[in-house]
Amino acid sequence: MKYFFNCLPEIKKKMREGKNCILMFDFDGTLSKIAKTPKDAYLKKSTRDLLKKLSKDFYIAVISGRALFDVKSKVGLPNLIYAGNHGFEWQIGAKKQSAKISPGIRKKLLSTKKNLRKLIAHYPGAFLEDKLSTLSVHFRLLDKKNSRSLIQKIISVLRKEKSLRAIKGKKVIEIRPKINWNKGTFVKFLVKYLEKKNHCHFATFYVGDDKTDEDAFKALRKGITVRVGKKKQSSADYFVKASEINKLLLQLVRE
């Protein structure tokens, strides 16, 4: 991985390879700092102002693990493209859509939610977030010993569910339908949709910080992919520090 700010000439050259550029961002850990609980996360006014300014020149998409309504309320800007539940649901303009999840999988999510709630009751500090299309078990407030035990038991519960998968993120385990849809498939769909709508080729720019963003990094091999925090195993080409998101956004502002 290369340090983003050491590579500005090549990055800006890549951005000029399309008629315009689609800017895509994760929310928690990227646009917003990681908080102790999801409800405590917020978008700084300075970051919101920069996104608002950028939206005059670029398509901007915020692609989050949060539910669609949740990430929209956290960002609070109209005219952006929003995707929730790791791309399972999205809104482009006034139109809301979602990936197809069978009634059988939804039934499995419901039964798994009940089982996880019983399990989590033995781990004070952990809690379950029901996002309808996906579930999240947060354990940031648990100590390492209890976290390890909880993770093992959640994996044990999910091992029996062939239609669901568990993905470990930053102090969270995401439980998602085992279908061919994730942040990577969503960003490919979004780029294709916007290119067809505008009859032109777009350059792509994606910034994320967690394991679920790796799907987007892999899907956008020819684009500009930026990880918040350096990691050898990441598929992103560049990295920035967690404190540098506004600095990155400022580099994208057109004079």
Protein backbone atom coordinates (compact mmCIF):
# COMPACT_ATOMS: atom_id res chain seq x y z
CA MET A 1 0.00 0.00 0.00
CA LYS A 2 1.16 3.50 -0.82
CA TYR A 3 0.59 6.61 1.27
CA PHE A 4 -2.19 8.58 -0.43
CA PHE A 5 -0.63 12.00 -0.05
CA ASN A 6 2.66 10.86 -1.58
CA CYS A 7 0.84 9.80 -4.75
CA LEU A 8 -1.39 12.78 -5.57
CA PRO A 9 -0.19 13.27 -9.17
CA GLU A 10 -0.93 9.64 -10.15
CA ILE A 11 -4.24 9.68 -8.24
CA LYS A 12 -5.45 12.86 -9.95
CA LYS A 13 -4.38 11.41 -13.29
CA LYS A 14 -6.56 8.33 -12.60
CA MET A 15 -9.47 10.60 -11.66
CA ARG A 16 -9.21 12.25 -15.09
CA GLU A 17 -9.50 8.92 -16.92
CA GLY A 18 -13.29 9.18 -16.90
CA LYS A 19 -15.59 12.03 -17.90
CA ASN A 20 -16.12 12.42 -14.17
CA CYS A 21 -15.42 10.48 -10.98
CA ILE A 22 -17.78 8.68 -8.58
CA LEU A 23 -16.71 9.22 -4.96
CA MET A 24 -17.72 6.41 -2.58
CA PHE A 25 -17.22 6.29 1.19
CA ASP A 26 -17.87 3.97 4.08
CA PHE A 27 -19.31 5.73 7.15
CA ASP A 28 -18.14 4.33 10.50
CA GLY A 29 -14.36 4.46 10.79
CA THR A 30 -14.12 6.46 7.56
CA LEU A 31 -16.30 9.57 7.41
CA SER A 32 -17.01 9.23 11.13
CA LYS A 33 -14.77 8.08 13.96
CA ILE A 34 -15.52 4.69 15.49
CA ALA A 35 -17.72 5.23 18.56
CA LYS A 36 -18.38 3.03 21.60
CA THR A 37 -21.89 2.34 20.30
CA PRO A 38 -23.43 2.94 16.83
CA LYS A 39 -25.79 5.63 18.16
CA ASP A 40 -22.83 7.67 19.47
CA ALA A 41 -21.21 8.04 16.04
CA TYR A 42 -21.61 11.38 14.32
CA LEU A 43 -20.39 13.26 11.28
CA LYS A 44 -18.34 16.38 12.01
CA LYS A 45 -19.73 19.59 10.55
CA SER A 46 -16.45 20.20 8.70
CA THR A 47 -16.72 16.77 7.02
CA ARG A 48 -20.38 17.33 6.12
CA ASP A 49 -19.56 20.73 4.63
CA LEU A 50 -16.81 19.22 2.47
CA LEU A 51 -19.13 16.45 1.23
CA LYS A 52 -21.78 19.04 0.41
CA LYS A 53 -19.24 21.04 -1.58
CA LEU A 54 -17.98 17.95 -3.41
CA SER A 55 -21.53 16.87 -4.29
CA LYS A 56 -21.78 19.87 -6.64
CA ASP A 57 -19.09 18.35 -8.88
CA PHE A 58 -19.26 14.59 -8.25
CA TYR A 59 -21.68 11.77 -7.63
CA ILE A 60 -21.15 10.83 -3.98
CA ALA A 61 -22.24 7.53 -2.44
CA VAL A 62 -22.11 6.62 1.24
CA ILE A 63 -22.07 2.84 1.56
CA SER A 64 -22.49 1.62 5.12
CA GLY A 65 -23.18 -1.44 7.22
CA ARG A 66 -25.85 0.60 8.98
CA ALA A 67 -29.49 0.39 7.96
CA LEU A 68 -30.35 2.73 5.09
CA PHE A 69 -32.48 5.10 7.17
CA ASP A 70 -29.76 5.22 9.83
CA VAL A 71 -26.85 6.20 7.57
CA LYS A 72 -29.05 8.77 5.81
CA SER A 73 -29.92 10.43 9.11
CA LYS A 74 -26.28 10.37 10.28
CA VAL A 75 -25.01 12.07 7.11
CA GLY A 76 -28.00 14.35 6.69
CA LEU A 77 -27.33 15.52 3.14
CA PRO A 78 -29.83 15.32 0.26
CA ASN A 79 -28.71 14.54 -3.29
CA LEU A 80 -26.23 11.87 -2.20
CA ILE A 81 -26.54 8.18 -3.02
CA TYR A 82 -26.96 6.04 0.07
CA ALA A 83 -26.56 2.30 0.57
CA GLY A 84 -27.21 0.48 3.84
CA ASN A 85 -26.70 -3.04 5.14
CA HIS A 86 -23.42 -3.39 3.20
CA GLY A 87 -25.20 -2.61 -0.07
CA PHE A 88 -28.27 -4.78 0.48
CA GLU A 89 -30.53 -1.70 0.32
CA TRP A 90 -29.98 1.63 -1.40
CA GLN A 91 -31.51 4.90 -2.51
CA ILE A 92 -30.61 6.73 -5.70
CA GLY A 93 -32.61 9.93 -6.01
CA ALA A 94 -36.12 9.28 -4.72
CA LYS A 95 -36.06 5.58 -5.58
CA LYS A 96 -35.32 2.96 -2.91
CA GLN A 97 -34.36 -0.58 -3.87
CA SER A 98 -32.91 -3.68 -2.25
CA ALA A 99 -31.24 -6.97 -3.09
CA LYS A 100 -33.58 -9.95 -3.22
CA ILE A 101 -33.59 -11.94 0.02
CA SER A 102 -35.83 -15.01 -0.01
CA PRO A 103 -38.57 -15.52 2.60
CA GLY A 104 -36.65 -18.60 3.78
CA ILE A 105 -33.51 -16.58 4.53
CA ARG A 106 -35.54 -13.89 6.29
CA LYS A 107 -37.06 -16.61 8.45
CA LYS A 108 -33.54 -17.85 9.29
CA LEU A 109 -32.50 -14.31 10.22
CA LEU A 110 -35.47 -14.10 12.59
CA SER A 111 -34.70 -17.41 14.32
CA THR A 112 -30.99 -16.54 14.51
CA LYS A 113 -31.86 -13.19 16.07
CA LYS A 114 -33.81 -14.97 18.83
CA ASN A 115 -30.94 -17.39 19.48
CA LEU A 116 -28.36 -14.60 19.58
CA ARG A 117 -30.42 -12.53 21.99
CA LYS A 118 -30.51 -15.47 24.41
CA LEU A 119 -26.76 -15.90 24.04
CA ILE A 120 -25.91 -12.21 24.43
CA ALA A 121 -27.94 -11.99 27.63
CA HIS A 122 -25.00 -13.77 29.31
CA TYR A 123 -22.54 -11.09 28.11
CA PRO A 124 -23.44 -7.72 29.67
CA GLY A 125 -22.07 -4.94 27.49
CA ALA A 126 -22.63 -6.79 24.21
CA PHE A 127 -25.76 -6.00 22.24
CA LEU A 128 -27.55 -7.02 19.08
CA GLU A 129 -28.45 -4.53 16.36
CA ASP A 130 -31.31 -5.66 14.13
CA LYS A 131 -31.06 -4.04 10.70
CA LEU A 132 -33.80 -6.22 9.16
CA SER A 133 -31.70 -7.46 6.24
CA THR A 134 -28.66 -8.13 8.45
CA LEU A 135 -27.75 -8.42 12.14
CA SER A 136 -24.78 -6.99 14.03
CA VAL A 137 -23.43 -8.15 17.38
CA HIS A 138 -21.40 -5.36 18.99
CA PHE A 139 -18.90 -6.21 21.73
CA ARG A 140 -16.65 -3.14 22.02
CA LEU A 141 -17.54 -2.81 25.70
CA LEU A 142 -16.51 -6.39 26.57
CA ASP A 143 -13.07 -7.38 27.81
CA LYS A 144 -10.88 -9.59 25.59
CA LYS A 145 -11.58 -12.80 27.50
CA ASN A 146 -15.35 -12.46 27.23
CA SER A 147 -15.10 -11.22 23.64
CA ARG A 148 -13.23 -14.36 22.60
CA SER A 149 -15.84 -16.57 24.26
CA LEU A 150 -18.72 -14.68 22.65
CA ILE A 151 -17.17 -14.85 19.18
CA GLN A 152 -16.68 -18.61 19.47
CA LYS A 153 -20.28 -19.14 20.54
CA ILE A 154 -21.67 -16.93 17.77
CA ILE A 155 -19.64 -18.87 15.20
CA SER A 156 -21.03 -22.07 16.70
CA VAL A 157 -24.60 -20.78 16.31
CA LEU A 158 -23.98 -19.69 12.70
CA ARG A 159 -22.26 -22.93 11.73
CA LYS A 160 -25.69 -24.59 11.66
CA GLU A 161 -27.16 -21.93 9.38
CA LYS A 162 -26.20 -22.68 5.77
CA SER A 163 -28.05 -19.62 4.46
CA LEU A 164 -26.23 -17.09 6.66
CA ARG A 165 -22.60 -16.02 7.09
CA ALA A 166 -20.74 -14.28 9.90
CA ILE A 167 -18.06 -11.68 9.21
CA LYS A 168 -15.89 -10.25 11.97
CA GLY A 169 -15.24 -6.51 11.82
CA LYS A 170 -13.93 -4.00 14.33
CA LYS A 171 -15.46 -5.18 17.63
CA VAL A 172 -18.52 -6.38 15.73
CA ILE A 173 -19.74 -9.53 14.03
CA GLU A 174 -21.95 -9.02 11.01
CA ILE A 175 -24.51 -11.73 10.21
CA ARG A 176 -25.59 -11.53 6.60
CA PRO A 177 -27.56 -13.61 4.09
CA LYS A 178 -25.30 -15.93 2.12
CA ILE A 179 -26.19 -14.51 -1.28
CA ASN A 180 -23.98 -13.08 -4.00
CA TRP A 181 -24.37 -9.47 -2.91
CA ASN A 182 -22.04 -7.26 -0.88
CA LYS A 183 -20.34 -3.85 -1.08
CA GLY A 184 -18.36 -5.07 -4.07
CA THR A 185 -21.36 -6.19 -6.11
CA PHE A 186 -23.20 -3.02 -5.13
CA VAL A 187 -20.44 -0.65 -6.28
CA LYS A 188 -20.19 -2.49 -9.62
CA PHE A 189 -23.97 -2.18 -10.01
CA LEU A 190 -23.82 1.53 -9.09
CA VAL A 191 -21.02 2.36 -11.53
CA LYS A 192 -22.78 0.52 -14.36
CA TYR A 193 -26.07 2.28 -13.54
CA LEU A 194 -24.51 5.77 -13.53
CA GLU A 195 -22.48 5.14 -16.68
CA LYS A 196 -25.59 3.96 -18.52
CA LYS A 197 -27.59 6.93 -17.24
CA ASN A 198 -24.92 9.46 -18.27
CA HIS A 199 -23.69 7.67 -21.44
CA CYS A 200 -20.06 7.98 -20.40
CA HIS A 201 -17.22 6.30 -18.52
CA PHE A 202 -16.63 7.25 -14.87
CA ALA A 203 -13.45 6.95 -12.85
CA THR A 204 -14.06 5.43 -9.40
CA PHE A 205 -12.81 6.42 -5.96
CA TYR A 206 -13.58 4.36 -2.83
CA VAL A 207 -12.53 4.91 0.80
CA GLY A 208 -13.18 2.39 3.61
CA ASP A 209 -11.63 1.01 6.75
CA ASP A 210 -12.98 -2.46 7.52
CA LYS A 211 -13.18 -6.02 6.27
CA THR A 212 -16.47 -5.50 4.43
CA ASP A 213 -14.85 -2.71 2.40
CA GLU A 214 -12.36 -5.22 0.98
CA ASP A 215 -15.15 -6.48 -1.31
CA ALA A 216 -15.36 -2.98 -2.81
CA PHE A 217 -11.58 -2.65 -3.10
CA LYS A 218 -11.43 -5.92 -5.04
CA ALA A 219 -14.35 -4.93 -7.29
CA LEU A 220 -12.71 -1.62 -8.22
CA ARG A 221 -9.26 -2.86 -9.24
CA LYS A 222 -8.94 -0.23 -11.97
CA GLY A 223 -10.16 2.56 -9.71
CA ILE A 224 -8.68 4.47 -6.79
CA THR A 225 -9.06 2.49 -3.57
CA VAL A 226 -8.06 3.96 -0.22
CA ARG A 227 -7.94 2.23 3.15
CA VAL A 228 -8.21 4.17 6.40
CA GLY A 229 -5.27 2.67 8.26
CA LYS A 230 -2.38 0.77 6.69
CA LYS A 231 -2.76 -3.00 6.41
CA LYS A 232 -0.53 -5.39 4.47
CA GLN A 233 -3.34 -7.81 3.59
CA SER A 234 -5.65 -5.13 2.18
CA SER A 235 -6.60 -5.00 -1.50
CA ALA A 236 -6.62 -1.18 -1.43
CA ASP A 237 -3.87 0.60 -3.35
CA TYR A 238 -3.47 3.55 -0.98
CA PHE A 239 -3.91 4.37 2.69
CA VAL A 240 -4.53 7.40 4.89
CA LYS A 241 -4.53 7.83 8.66
CA ALA A 242 -7.85 7.94 10.51
CA SER A 243 -7.28 11.62 11.30
CA GLU A 244 -6.78 12.55 7.63
CA ILE A 245 -10.23 12.12 6.07
CA ASN A 246 -10.89 15.87 5.83
CA LYS A 247 -7.42 16.38 4.37
CA LEU A 248 -8.27 13.76 1.74
CA LEU A 249 -11.61 15.42 0.95
CA LEU A 250 -9.90 18.79 0.56
CA GLN A 251 -7.65 17.29 -2.14
CA LEU A 252 -10.76 16.39 -4.15
CA VAL A 253 -12.37 19.83 -4.03
CA ARG A 254 -12.29 21.49 -7.45
CA GLU A 255 -11.15 25.08 -7.54
